[in-house]
PDB file of N, CA and C in Angstrom:
ATOM      1  N   MET A   1      97.964  99.825 112.893  1.00  0.00           N
ATOM      2  CA  MET A   1      98.888  99.209 111.688  1.00  0.00           C
ATOM      3  C   MET A   1      99.272 100.205 111.296  1.00  0.00           C
ATOM      4  N   ILE A   2     100.856  99.727 111.539  1.00  0.00           N
ATOM      5  CA  ILE A   2     102.162 100.791 111.268  1.00  0.00           C
ATOM      6  C   ILE A   2     102.489 100.368 109.656  1.00  0.00           C
ATOM      7  N   GLU A   3     103.385 101.636 109.008  1.00  0.00           N
ATOM      8  CA  GLU A   3     103.769 101.614 107.980  1.00  0.00           C
ATOM      9  C   GLU A   3     105.428 101.102 108.004  1.00  0.00           C
ATOM     10  N   VAL A   4     106.031 100.005 107.182  1.00  0.00           N
ATOM     11  CA  VAL A   4     107.225  99.431 106.999  1.00  0.00           C
ATOM     12  C   VAL A   4     107.778  99.981 105.777  1.00  0.00           C
ATOM     13  N   ASN A   5     108.724 100.509 105.421  1.00  0.00           N
ATOM     14  CA  ASN A   5     109.032 100.713 104.052  1.00  0.00           C
ATOM     15  C   ASN A   5     110.897 100.014 103.965  1.00  0.00           C
ATOM     16  N   SER A   6     111.096  99.589 104.826  1.00  0.00           N
ATOM     17  CA  SER A   6     112.364  99.215 104.627  1.00  0.00           C
ATOM     18  C   SER A   6     112.236  97.171 104.963  1.00  0.00           C
ATOM     19  N   LEU A   7     113.078  96.366 104.220  1.00  0.00           N
ATOM     20  CA  LEU A   7     112.868  95.193 104.586  1.00  0.00           C
ATOM     21  C   LEU A   7     113.552  94.705 105.852  1.00  0.00           C
ATOM     22  N   ASP A   8     114.892  95.424 105.673  1.00  0.00           N
ATOM     23  CA  ASP A   8     115.420  95.039 107.520  1.00  0.00           C
ATOM     24  C   ASP A   8     114.249  94.956 108.682  1.00  0.00           C
ATOM     25  N   ASN A   9     113.716  95.993 108.496  1.00  0.00           N
ATOM     26  CA  ASN A   9     112.436  96.426 109.855  1.00  0.00           C
ATOM     27  C   ASN A   9     111.420  95.460 109.639  1.00  0.00           C
ATOM     28  N   VAL A  10     111.083  94.920 108.291  1.00  0.00           N
ATOM     29  CA  VAL A  10     110.152  93.943 108.299  1.00  0.00           C
ATOM     30  C   VAL A  10     110.449  92.574 108.598  1.00  0.00           C
ATOM     31  N   LYS A  11     111.914  92.151 108.312  1.00  0.00           N
ATOM     32  CA  LYS A  11     112.513  91.001 109.051  1.00  0.00           C
ATOM     33  C   LYS A  11     112.701  91.287 110.698  1.00  0.00           C
ATOM     34  N   LYS A  12     113.257  92.329 111.112  1.00  0.00           N
ATOM     35  CA  LYS A  12     113.405  92.121 112.429  1.00  0.00           C
ATOM     36  C   LYS A  12     111.449  91.935 113.062  1.00  0.00           C
ATOM     37  N   LEU A  13     110.580  92.780 112.519  1.00  0.00           N
ATOM     38  CA  LEU A  13     109.195  92.270 113.272  1.00  0.00           C
ATOM     39  C   LEU A  13     109.000  90.914 113.470  1.00  0.00           C
ATOM     40  N   ILE A  14     109.419  90.281 111.706  1.00  0.00           N
ATOM     41  CA  ILE A  14     108.836  88.702 111.860  1.00  0.00           C
ATOM     42  C   ILE A  14     109.753  88.340 113.002  1.00  0.00           C
ATOM     43  N   ASP A  15     111.097  88.605 113.262  1.00  0.00           N
ATOM     44  CA  ASP A  15     111.639  87.790 113.931  1.00  0.00           C
ATOM     45  C   ASP A  15     111.357  88.077 115.634  1.00  0.00           C
ATOM     46  N   SER A  16     110.586  89.151 116.179  1.00  0.00           N
ATOM     47  CA  SER A  16     110.632  89.470 117.425  1.00  0.00           C
ATOM     48  C   SER A  16     109.290  89.218 117.798  1.00  0.00           C
ATOM     49  N   GLU A  17     107.968  89.221 116.928  1.00  0.00           N
ATOM     50  CA  GLU A  17     107.143  89.005 117.618  1.00  0.00           C
ATOM     51  C   GLU A  17     106.218  87.858 117.278  1.00  0.00           C
ATOM     52  N   LEU A  18     105.223  87.461 118.242  1.00  0.00           N
ATOM     53  CA  LEU A  18     104.354  86.173 117.751  1.00  0.00           C
ATOM     54  C   LEU A  18     104.029  85.830 116.510  1.00  0.00           C
ATOM     55  N   GLY A  19     103.429  87.146 116.302  1.00  0.00           N
ATOM     56  CA  GLY A  19     102.983  87.295 114.617  1.00  0.00           C
ATOM     57  C   GLY A  19     102.987  88.363 114.282  1.00  0.00           C
ATOM     58  N   VAL A  20     102.809  88.582 113.025  1.00  0.00           N
ATOM     59  CA  VAL A  20     103.077  89.645 111.870  1.00  0.00           C
ATOM     60  C   VAL A  20     101.819  89.239 110.556  1.00  0.00           C
ATOM     61  N   LEU A  21     101.023  90.431 110.541  1.00  0.00           N
ATOM     62  CA  LEU A  21     100.370  89.994 109.333  1.00  0.00           C
ATOM     63  C   LEU A  21     101.108  91.461 108.275  1.00  0.00           C
ATOM     64  N   LEU A  22     101.579  91.240 107.162  1.00  0.00           N
ATOM     65  CA  LEU A  22     101.798  91.908 106.318  1.00  0.00           C
ATOM     66  C   LEU A  22     100.492  92.162 105.314  1.00  0.00           C
ATOM     67  N   TYR A  23     100.070  93.679 104.926  1.00  0.00           N
ATOM     68  CA  TYR A  23      99.467  94.152 104.445  1.00  0.00           C
ATOM     69  C   TYR A  23     100.040  94.858 103.118  1.00  0.00           C
ATOM     70  N   PHE A  24      99.989  94.396 102.076  1.00  0.00           N
ATOM     71  CA  PHE A  24     101.103  95.249 100.846  1.00  0.00           C
ATOM     72  C   PHE A  24      99.607  95.559 100.056  1.00  0.00           C
ATOM     73  N   SER A  25      99.757  97.013  99.705  1.00  0.00           N
ATOM     74  CA  SER A  25      98.629  97.782  98.908  1.00  0.00           C
ATOM     75  C   SER A  25      99.357  99.023  98.111  1.00  0.00           C
ATOM     76  N   THR A  26      98.294  99.613  97.507  1.00  0.00           N
ATOM     77  CA  THR A  26      99.298 100.667  96.992  1.00  0.00           C
ATOM     78  C   THR A  26      97.939 102.091  97.155  1.00  0.00           C
ATOM     79  N   PRO A  27      98.133 103.380  97.214  1.00  0.00           N
ATOM     80  CA  PRO A  27      97.173 104.172  96.898  1.00  0.00           C
ATOM     81  C   PRO A  27      96.234 104.025  96.213  1.00  0.00           C
ATOM     82  N   THR A  28      96.706 103.559  94.637  1.00  0.00           N
ATOM     83  CA  THR A  28      95.736 103.183  93.442  1.00  0.00           C
ATOM     84  C   THR A  28      94.689 102.326  93.842  1.00  0.00           C
ATOM     85  N   CYS A  29      95.026 101.497  94.582  1.00  0.00           N
ATOM     86  CA  CYS A  29      94.191 100.347  94.567  1.00  0.00           C
ATOM     87  C   CYS A  29      92.672 100.254  95.435  1.00  0.00           C
ATOM     88  N   ASN A  30      92.027 100.473  94.584  1.00  0.00           N
ATOM     89  CA  ASN A  30      90.312 100.863  95.656  1.00  0.00           C
ATOM     90  C   ASN A  30      89.891  99.433  96.390  1.00  0.00           C
ATOM     91  N   VAL A  31      89.861  98.163  95.686  1.00  0.00           N
ATOM     92  CA  VAL A  31      90.031  96.844  96.643  1.00  0.00           C
ATOM     93  C   VAL A  31      91.115  97.145  97.912  1.00  0.00           C
ATOM     94  N   CYS A  32      92.024  97.875  97.710  1.00  0.00           N
ATOM     95  CA  CYS A  32      92.917  97.612  99.175  1.00  0.00           C
ATOM     96  C   CYS A  32      92.368  98.131  99.960  1.00  0.00           C
ATOM     97  N   GLN A  33      91.761  99.807  99.506  1.00  0.00           N
ATOM     98  CA  GLN A  33      91.516 100.629 100.291  1.00  0.00           C
ATOM     99  C   GLN A  33      90.068 100.273 101.407  1.00  0.00           C
ATOM    100  N   ALA A  34      89.465  99.497 100.701  1.00  0.00           N
ATOM    101  CA  ALA A  34      88.118  99.208 100.961  1.00  0.00           C
ATOM    102  C   ALA A  34      88.323  97.881 102.087  1.00  0.00           C
ATOM    103  N   LEU A  35      89.299  96.982 101.633  1.00  0.00           N
ATOM    104  CA  LEU A  35      89.769  96.013 101.922  1.00  0.00           C
ATOM    105  C   LEU A  35      90.622  96.377 103.811  1.00  0.00           C
ATOM    106  N   LYS A  36      91.679  96.834 103.803  1.00  0.00           N
ATOM    107  CA  LYS A  36      91.999  97.557 104.972  1.00  0.00           C
ATOM    108  C   LYS A  36      91.734  97.874 105.974  1.00  0.00           C
ATOM    109  N   PRO A  37      90.149  98.476 106.237  1.00  0.00           N
ATOM    110  CA  PRO A  37      89.897  98.686 107.258  1.00  0.00           C
ATOM    111  C   PRO A  37      88.969  97.466 107.720  1.00  0.00           C
ATOM    112  N   LYS A  38      88.362  96.859 107.201  1.00  0.00           N
ATOM    113  CA  LYS A  38      87.918  95.361 107.693  1.00  0.00           C
ATOM    114  C   LYS A  38      89.145  94.731 108.233  1.00  0.00           C
ATOM    115  N   ILE A  39      90.299  94.154 107.452  1.00  0.00           N
ATOM    116  CA  ILE A  39      91.146  93.417 107.954  1.00  0.00           C
ATOM    117  C   ILE A  39      91.845  94.219 109.033  1.00  0.00           C
ATOM    118  N   ILE A  40      91.739  95.173 109.580  1.00  0.00           N
ATOM    119  CA  ILE A  40      92.371  96.139 110.616  1.00  0.00           C
ATOM    120  C   ILE A  40      91.245  95.872 111.774  1.00  0.00           C
ATOM    121  N   ASN A  41      89.958  95.433 111.799  1.00  0.00           N
ATOM    122  CA  ASN A  41      89.156  95.955 112.680  1.00  0.00           C
ATOM    123  C   ASN A  41      88.839  94.133 113.204  1.00  0.00           C
ATOM    124  N   GLU A  42      88.986  93.316 112.305  1.00  0.00           N
ATOM    125  CA  GLU A  42      88.636  91.314 112.484  1.00  0.00           C
ATOM    126  C   GLU A  42      90.028  91.241 113.170  1.00  0.00           C
ATOM    127  N   PHE A  43      91.340  91.933 112.884  1.00  0.00           N
ATOM    128  CA  PHE A  43      92.612  91.551 114.110  1.00  0.00           C
ATOM    129  C   PHE A  43      92.870  92.354 114.836  1.00  0.00           C
ATOM    130  N   ASP A  44      92.218  93.497 115.162  1.00  0.00           N
ATOM    131  CA  ASP A  44      92.033  94.160 116.292  1.00  0.00           C
ATOM    132  C   ASP A  44      91.195  93.388 117.540  1.00  0.00           C
ATOM    133  N   LYS A  45      90.283  92.802 116.663  1.00  0.00           N
ATOM    134  CA  LYS A  45      89.198  92.310 117.896  1.00  0.00           C
ATOM    135  C   LYS A  45      89.536  90.768 117.884  1.00  0.00           C
ATOM    136  N   ASN A  46      90.071  89.894 117.011  1.00  0.00           N
ATOM    137  CA  ASN A  46      90.002  88.360 117.529  1.00  0.00           C
ATOM    138  C   ASN A  46      91.869  88.548 117.488  1.00  0.00           C
ATOM    139  N   PHE A  47      92.612  88.904 117.096  1.00  0.00           N
ATOM    140  CA  PHE A  47      94.297  88.882 116.980  1.00  0.00           C
ATOM    141  C   PHE A  47      94.777  89.627 117.893  1.00  0.00           C
ATOM    142  N   PRO A  48      94.353  90.390 119.187  1.00  0.00           N
ATOM    143  CA  PRO A  48      95.221  91.280 119.213  1.00  0.00           C
ATOM    144  C   PRO A  48      96.872  91.613 119.848  1.00  0.00           C
ATOM    145  N   LEU A  49      97.196  90.065 119.433  1.00  0.00           N
ATOM    146  CA  LEU A  49      98.901  90.233 120.077  1.00  0.00           C
ATOM    147  C   LEU A  49      99.568  90.383 118.318  1.00  0.00           C
ATOM    148  N   ILE A  50      98.913  89.956 116.874  1.00  0.00           N
ATOM    149  CA  ILE A  50      99.635  89.847 115.789  1.00  0.00           C
ATOM    150  C   ILE A  50      99.489  91.483 115.639  1.00  0.00           C
ATOM    151  N   LYS A  51     101.119  91.704 115.228  1.00  0.00           N
ATOM    152  CA  LYS A  51     101.641  93.059 114.957  1.00  0.00           C
ATOM    153  C   LYS A  51     100.701  93.463 113.115  1.00  0.00           C
ATOM    154  N   LYS A  52     100.157  94.423 112.902  1.00  0.00           N
ATOM    155  CA  LYS A  52      99.597  94.533 111.750  1.00  0.00           C
ATOM    156  C   LYS A  52     100.533  95.452 110.958  1.00  0.00           C
ATOM    157  N   VAL A  53     100.983  95.335 110.034  1.00  0.00           N
ATOM    158  CA  VAL A  53     102.111  95.932 109.322  1.00  0.00           C
ATOM    159  C   VAL A  53     101.815  96.564 107.976  1.00  0.00           C
ATOM    160  N   PHE A  54     101.459  97.434 107.188  1.00  0.00           N
ATOM    161  CA  PHE A  54     101.500  98.394 106.133  1.00  0.00           C
ATOM    162  C   PHE A  54     102.694  98.342 105.034  1.00  0.00           C
ATOM    163  N   VAL A  55     102.851  97.704 104.005  1.00  0.00           N
ATOM    164  CA  VAL A  55     103.830  97.905 103.243  1.00  0.00           C
ATOM    165  C   VAL A  55     103.025  98.268 102.036  1.00  0.00           C
ATOM    166  N   ASP A  56     103.728  99.247 101.900  1.00  0.00           N
ATOM    167  CA  ASP A  56     102.950 100.141 100.164  1.00  0.00           C
ATOM    168  C   ASP A  56     104.092 100.056  98.920  1.00  0.00           C
ATOM    169  N   SER A  57     103.454  98.855  98.437  1.00  0.00           N
ATOM    170  CA  SER A  57     104.385  98.502  97.398  1.00  0.00           C
ATOM    171  C   SER A  57     105.117  99.491  96.112  1.00  0.00           C
ATOM    172  N   SER A  58     104.350 100.243  95.925  1.00  0.00           N
ATOM    173  CA  SER A  58     104.658 101.563  94.806  1.00  0.00           C
ATOM    174  C   SER A  58     105.764 102.215  95.207  1.00  0.00           C
ATOM    175  N   VAL A  59     105.656 102.316  96.975  1.00  0.00           N
ATOM    176  CA  VAL A  59     107.297 102.770  97.691  1.00  0.00           C
ATOM    177  C   VAL A  59     108.328 101.576  97.891  1.00  0.00           C
ATOM    178  N   SER A  60     107.721 100.865  98.399  1.00  0.00           N
ATOM    179  CA  SER A  60     109.172  99.567  98.612  1.00  0.00           C
ATOM    180  C   SER A  60     108.911  98.201  97.626  1.00  0.00           C
ATOM    181  N   PRO A  61     109.151  98.601  96.465  1.00  0.00           N
ATOM    182  CA  PRO A  61     108.844  97.352  95.585  1.00  0.00           C
ATOM    183  C   PRO A  61     109.831  96.040  96.118  1.00  0.00           C
ATOM    184  N   GLU A  62     111.086  96.422  96.833  1.00  0.00           N
ATOM    185  CA  GLU A  62     112.061  95.589  97.497  1.00  0.00           C
ATOM    186  C   GLU A  62     111.109  94.734  98.502  1.00  0.00           C
ATOM    187  N   ILE A  63     110.474  95.315  99.178  1.00  0.00           N
ATOM    188  CA  ILE A  63     109.640  94.595 100.450  1.00  0.00           C
ATOM    189  C   ILE A  63     108.903  93.445  99.674  1.00  0.00           C
ATOM    190  N   ALA A  64     108.250  93.674  98.288  1.00  0.00           N
ATOM    191  CA  ALA A  64     107.066  92.706  97.865  1.00  0.00           C
ATOM    192  C   ALA A  64     107.938  91.794  97.050  1.00  0.00           C
ATOM    193  N   ALA A  65     109.021  92.319  96.437  1.00  0.00           N
ATOM    194  CA  ALA A  65     109.911  91.189  95.668  1.00  0.00           C
ATOM    195  C   ALA A  65     110.805  90.238  96.191  1.00  0.00           C
ATOM    196  N   ASN A  66     110.793  90.797  97.626  1.00  0.00           N
ATOM    197  CA  ASN A  66     111.337  89.760  98.796  1.00  0.00           C
ATOM    198  C   ASN A  66     110.383  88.793  99.080  1.00  0.00           C
ATOM    199  N   TYR A  67     109.191  88.994  99.474  1.00  0.00           N
ATOM    200  CA  TYR A  67     108.491  88.224  99.584  1.00  0.00           C
ATOM    201  C   TYR A  67     106.991  87.607  98.632  1.00  0.00           C
ATOM    202  N   ASN A  68     107.295  87.460  97.207  1.00  0.00           N
ATOM    203  CA  ASN A  68     106.829  87.257  95.771  1.00  0.00           C
ATOM    204  C   ASN A  68     105.401  87.997  96.240  1.00  0.00           C
ATOM    205  N   VAL A  69     105.069  88.844  96.351  1.00  0.00           N
ATOM    206  CA  VAL A  69     104.143  89.565  96.036  1.00  0.00           C
ATOM    207  C   VAL A  69     103.738  90.509  94.901  1.00  0.00           C
ATOM    208  N   PHE A  70     103.061  89.899  93.928  1.00  0.00           N
ATOM    209  CA  PHE A  70     103.067  90.512  92.524  1.00  0.00           C
ATOM    210  C   PHE A  70     101.809  91.065  92.482  1.00  0.00           C
ATOM    211  N   SER A  71     100.356  91.193  93.114  1.00  0.00           N
ATOM    212  CA  SER A  71      99.739  91.681  93.274  1.00  0.00           C
ATOM    213  C   SER A  71      98.938  92.507  94.193  1.00  0.00           C
ATOM    214  N   VAL A  72      98.390  93.355  94.254  1.00  0.00           N
ATOM    215  CA  VAL A  72      97.510  93.863  95.820  1.00  0.00           C
ATOM    216  C   VAL A  72      96.247  93.777  95.820  1.00  0.00           C
ATOM    217  N   PRO A  73      95.423  93.554  96.808  1.00  0.00           N
ATOM    218  CA  PRO A  73      96.097  93.246  97.800  1.00  0.00           C
ATOM    219  C   PRO A  73      96.574  92.261  98.333  1.00  0.00           C
ATOM    220  N   THR A  74      97.481  92.242  99.067  1.00  0.00           N
ATOM    221  CA  THR A  74      97.955  90.627  99.175  1.00  0.00           C
ATOM    222  C   THR A  74      98.667  90.721 100.512  1.00  0.00           C
ATOM    223  N   MET A  75      98.138  89.654 101.582  1.00  0.00           N
ATOM    224  CA  MET A  75      98.530  89.572 103.209  1.00  0.00           C
ATOM    225  C   MET A  75      98.894  88.620 103.345  1.00  0.00           C
ATOM    226  N   LEU A  76     100.220  88.819 104.042  1.00  0.00           N
ATOM    227  CA  LEU A  76     101.015  87.383 104.297  1.00  0.00           C
ATOM    228  C   LEU A  76     100.768  87.325 105.813  1.00  0.00           C
ATOM    229  N   LEU A  77     100.629  86.425 106.314  1.00  0.00           N
ATOM    230  CA  LEU A  77     100.483  85.964 108.271  1.00  0.00           C
ATOM    231  C   LEU A  77     101.906  85.138 108.385  1.00  0.00           C
ATOM    232  N   PHE A  78     102.669  85.726 109.220  1.00  0.00           N
ATOM    233  CA  PHE A  78     103.487  85.459 110.033  1.00  0.00           C
ATOM    234  C   PHE A  78     103.171  84.719 111.324  1.00  0.00           C
ATOM    235  N   LEU A  79     103.493  83.453 111.941  1.00  0.00           N
ATOM    236  CA  LEU A  79     103.181  82.908 113.024  1.00  0.00           C
ATOM    237  C   LEU A  79     104.530  82.497 113.388  1.00  0.00           C
ATOM    238  N   ASP A  80     105.214  82.804 114.498  1.00  0.00           N
ATOM    239  CA  ASP A  80     105.957  82.167 114.949  1.00  0.00           C
ATOM    240  C   ASP A  80     107.088  81.908 114.171  1.00  0.00           C
ATOM    241  N   LYS A  81     107.363  83.092 113.163  1.00  0.00           N
ATOM    242  CA  LYS A  81     108.887  83.259 112.353  1.00  0.00           C
ATOM    243  C   LYS A  81     108.347  82.632 110.896  1.00  0.00           C
ATOM    244  N   LYS A  82     107.389  82.010 110.651  1.00  0.00           N
ATOM    245  CA  LYS A  82     107.418  81.540 109.520  1.00  0.00           C
ATOM    246  C   LYS A  82     105.770  81.868 108.799  1.00  0.00           C
ATOM    247  N   GLU A  83     106.016  82.154 107.619  1.00  0.00           N
ATOM    248  CA  GLU A  83     104.726  82.392 106.884  1.00  0.00           C
ATOM    249  C   GLU A  83     103.534  80.965 106.953  1.00  0.00           C
ATOM    250  N   PHE A  84     102.441  81.720 107.426  1.00  0.00           N
ATOM    251  CA  PHE A  84     101.253  80.497 107.637  1.00  0.00           C
ATOM    252  C   PHE A  84     100.623  81.117 106.906  1.00  0.00           C
ATOM    253  N   ALA A  85      99.681  81.973 106.352  1.00  0.00           N
ATOM    254  CA  ALA A  85      99.049  81.952 105.740  1.00  0.00           C
ATOM    255  C   ALA A  85      99.293  83.300 104.166  1.00  0.00           C
ATOM    256  N   ARG A  86      98.841  83.195 103.220  1.00  0.00           N
ATOM    257  CA  ARG A  86      98.888  84.011 102.544  1.00  0.00           C
ATOM    258  C   ARG A  86      97.709  83.946 101.062  1.00  0.00           C
ATOM    259  N   GLU A  87      96.669  85.489 101.358  1.00  0.00           N
ATOM    260  CA  GLU A  87      95.726  85.798 100.713  1.00  0.00           C
ATOM    261  C   GLU A  87      96.033  86.884 100.024  1.00  0.00           C
ATOM    262  N   GLY A  88      95.755  86.518  98.691  1.00  0.00           N
ATOM    263  CA  GLY A  88      95.542  87.861  97.555  1.00  0.00           C
ATOM    264  C   GLY A  88      93.855  88.095  96.899  1.00  0.00           C
ATOM    265  N   ARG A  89      94.090  89.152  96.589  1.00  0.00           N
ATOM    266  CA  ARG A  89      92.997  89.830  95.487  1.00  0.00           C
ATOM    267  C   ARG A  89      91.392  89.408  95.742  1.00  0.00           C
ATOM    268  N   ASN A  90      91.099  88.694  95.345  1.00  0.00           N
ATOM    269  CA  ASN A  90      89.603  88.236  96.659  1.00  0.00           C
ATOM    270  C   ASN A  90      89.840  87.576  97.805  1.00  0.00           C
ATOM    271  N   VAL A  91      89.740  88.233  98.674  1.00  0.00           N
ATOM    272  CA  VAL A  91      90.008  87.810  99.714  1.00  0.00           C
ATOM    273  C   VAL A  91      88.241  87.740 101.034  1.00  0.00           C
ATOM    274  N   SER A  92      88.189  86.900 101.486  1.00  0.00           N
ATOM    275  CA  SER A  92      87.241  86.290 102.314  1.00  0.00           C
ATOM    276  C   SER A  92      87.494  86.242 103.628  1.00  0.00           C
ATOM    277  N   VAL A  93      87.228  87.729 104.063  1.00  0.00           N
ATOM    278  CA  VAL A  93      87.887  88.531 105.833  1.00  0.00           C
ATOM    279  C   VAL A  93      87.203  87.610 106.890  1.00  0.00           C
ATOM    280  N   ALA A  94      86.163  86.309 106.697  1.00  0.00           N
ATOM    281  CA  ALA A  94      85.254  85.635 107.619  1.00  0.00           C
ATOM    282  C   ALA A  94      86.268  84.053 107.726  1.00  0.00           C
ATOM    283  N   LEU A  95      86.429  83.917 106.356  1.00  0.00           N
ATOM    284  CA  LEU A  95      87.272  82.905 106.068  1.00  0.00           C
ATOM    285  C   LEU A  95      88.595  83.130 106.366  1.00  0.00           C
ATOM    286  N   PHE A  96      89.467  83.721 106.019  1.00  0.00           N
ATOM    287  CA  PHE A  96      90.542  84.199 106.359  1.00  0.00           C
ATOM    288  C   PHE A  96      90.446  84.581 108.014  1.00  0.00           C
ATOM    289  N   VAL A  97      89.578  84.731 108.637  1.00  0.00           N
ATOM    290  CA  VAL A  97      89.684  84.932 110.326  1.00  0.00           C
ATOM    291  C   VAL A  97      89.420  83.585 110.946  1.00  0.00           C
ATOM    292  N   ASP A  98      88.651  82.752 109.872  1.00  0.00           N
ATOM    293  CA  ASP A  98      88.301  81.204 110.633  1.00  0.00           C
ATOM    294  C   ASP A  98      89.588  80.223 110.646  1.00  0.00           C
ATOM    295  N   ARG A  99      90.232  80.659 109.731  1.00  0.00           N
ATOM    296  CA  ARG A  99      91.513  79.825 109.247  1.00  0.00           C
ATOM    297  C   ARG A  99      92.599  80.479 110.543  1.00  0.00           C
ATOM    298  N   ILE A 100      92.696  81.525 110.805  1.00  0.00           N
ATOM    299  CA  ILE A 100      93.493  81.190 111.383  1.00  0.00           C
ATOM    300  C   ILE A 100      93.391  81.513 113.168  1.00  0.00           C
ATOM    301  N   LYS A 101      91.998  81.351 113.328  1.00  0.00           N
ATOM    302  CA  LYS A 101      91.602  81.401 115.223  1.00  0.00           C
ATOM    303  C   LYS A 101      92.132  80.422 115.862  1.00  0.00           C
ATOM    304  N   ARG A 102      92.207  79.209 115.613  1.00  0.00           N
ATOM    305  CA  ARG A 102      92.280  77.929 116.356  1.00  0.00           C
ATOM    306  C   ARG A 102      93.877  77.911 116.502  1.00  0.00           C
ATOM    307  N   VAL A 103      94.637  78.303 115.558  1.00  0.00           N
ATOM    308  CA  VAL A 103      96.294  78.354 115.856  1.00  0.00           C
ATOM    309  C   VAL A 103      96.482  79.315 116.638  1.00  0.00           C
ATOM    310  N   TYR A 104      96.250  80.508 116.534  1.00  0.00           N
ATOM    311  CA  TYR A 104      96.243  81.886 117.282  1.00  0.00           C
ATOM    312  C   TYR A 104      95.773  80.930 118.730  1.00  0.00           C
ATOM    313  N   GLU A 105      94.499  80.553 118.530  1.00  0.00           N
ATOM    314  CA  GLU A 105      94.582  80.254 120.416  1.00  0.00           C
ATOM    315  C   GLU A 105      95.940  79.286 120.797  1.00  0.00           C
ATOM    316  N   ILE A 106      95.801  78.361 120.237  1.00  0.00           N
ATOM    317  CA  ILE A 106      96.730  77.437 120.664  1.00  0.00           C
ATOM    318  C   ILE A 106      98.148  78.197 121.034  1.00  0.00           C
ATOM    319  N   MET A 107      99.079  78.902 120.050  1.00  0.00           N
ATOM    320  CA  MET A 107     100.151  80.114 120.396  1.00  0.00           C
ATOM    321  C   MET A 107      99.744  80.520 121.585  1.00  0.00           C
ATOM    322  N   ILE A 108      98.556  81.289 122.130  1.00  0.00           N
ATOM    323  CA  ILE A 108      98.491  82.385 122.886  1.00  0.00           C
ATOM    324  C   ILE A 108      98.353  81.818 124.580  1.00  0.00           C
ATOM    325  N   SER A 109      97.876  80.326 124.436  1.00  0.00           N
ATOM    326  CA  SER A 109      97.663  79.650 125.956  1.00  0.00           C
ATOM    327  C   SER A 109      98.438  78.586 126.180  1.00  0.00           C
TER     328      SER A 109
END
C-alpha cells in the first residue's frame, strides 16, 4: 500500500490504473489500524491488479474533502476511473471482497 498526500497524485492514479482502492484513515483511529492489514491481505490475495493507496486524512484533509470522506475508516474503490464501491466505519471485509469479485474477474478477462 502506498501513501499519497496530493490530490493530483490520487487523480493521476485513478486515471492510469485499472483499479484503485483509497483507504482513508488517521493514526489515532484504532479501528483503522486493525482493519488495514486485513484489507491489504484480502486485496493482495484476490485483487492483485488493484492499486492500494493510503490517505492519512489528518495530513491530507483536502483529499478527504474532495471525495466526501467525513469519517474513518473509509474505503473508496475506483474501477475504470469510476467510483464503484464505498465502505466506511463498520466494514465486513468478506462482504466487501464478495461485492468486488465478479466485476474484477470480468474486467481482467
